[in-house]
């Protein structure tokens, strides 16, 4: 199997009523990362925009080469293991594990273990995979156009 060049992963809760600080508190996070609907978002290159929807996120470092299993294990390892809290949040908001997959060529394979899939499912989350071939994205990534871990999509 050809390995991914790089992978990024984050867990996100998305919805009009998302309060990142309250979600962080419920999941045992010391610092909230996210935005409430209507707040001003400042982009890395200085542009601003108004958040059209609320988003809470928790990401981990990108992996080179890609390793989604370890990233997803790390994502959940730093947060509450109380599945009832997760299912309640996922029932109130759209909950997802967002993964960016950066392929090293035209065709790569990705495999997730049953334990990883179970961890996602037990929390009531969906799995979102954004896949990029190497056709020009490498230079765009290295030039800082993408932030990684899904935060550049706000």
Foldseek 3Di string as FASTA:
>chain_A
DAWFQKKWKKKKWKFQADDQVVLCVLFVHPDWDWDHQQDWDADPVGDIDGHNITMTMDIDDMDGRYDVQVRLVVNSVNTDPPLVSLQVSVVVTQIAMEMETEHPADDDDDDYDPVSVCSQVSSVHYYHYHYDYPVPVVVVVVVPVDPGNPPVVD
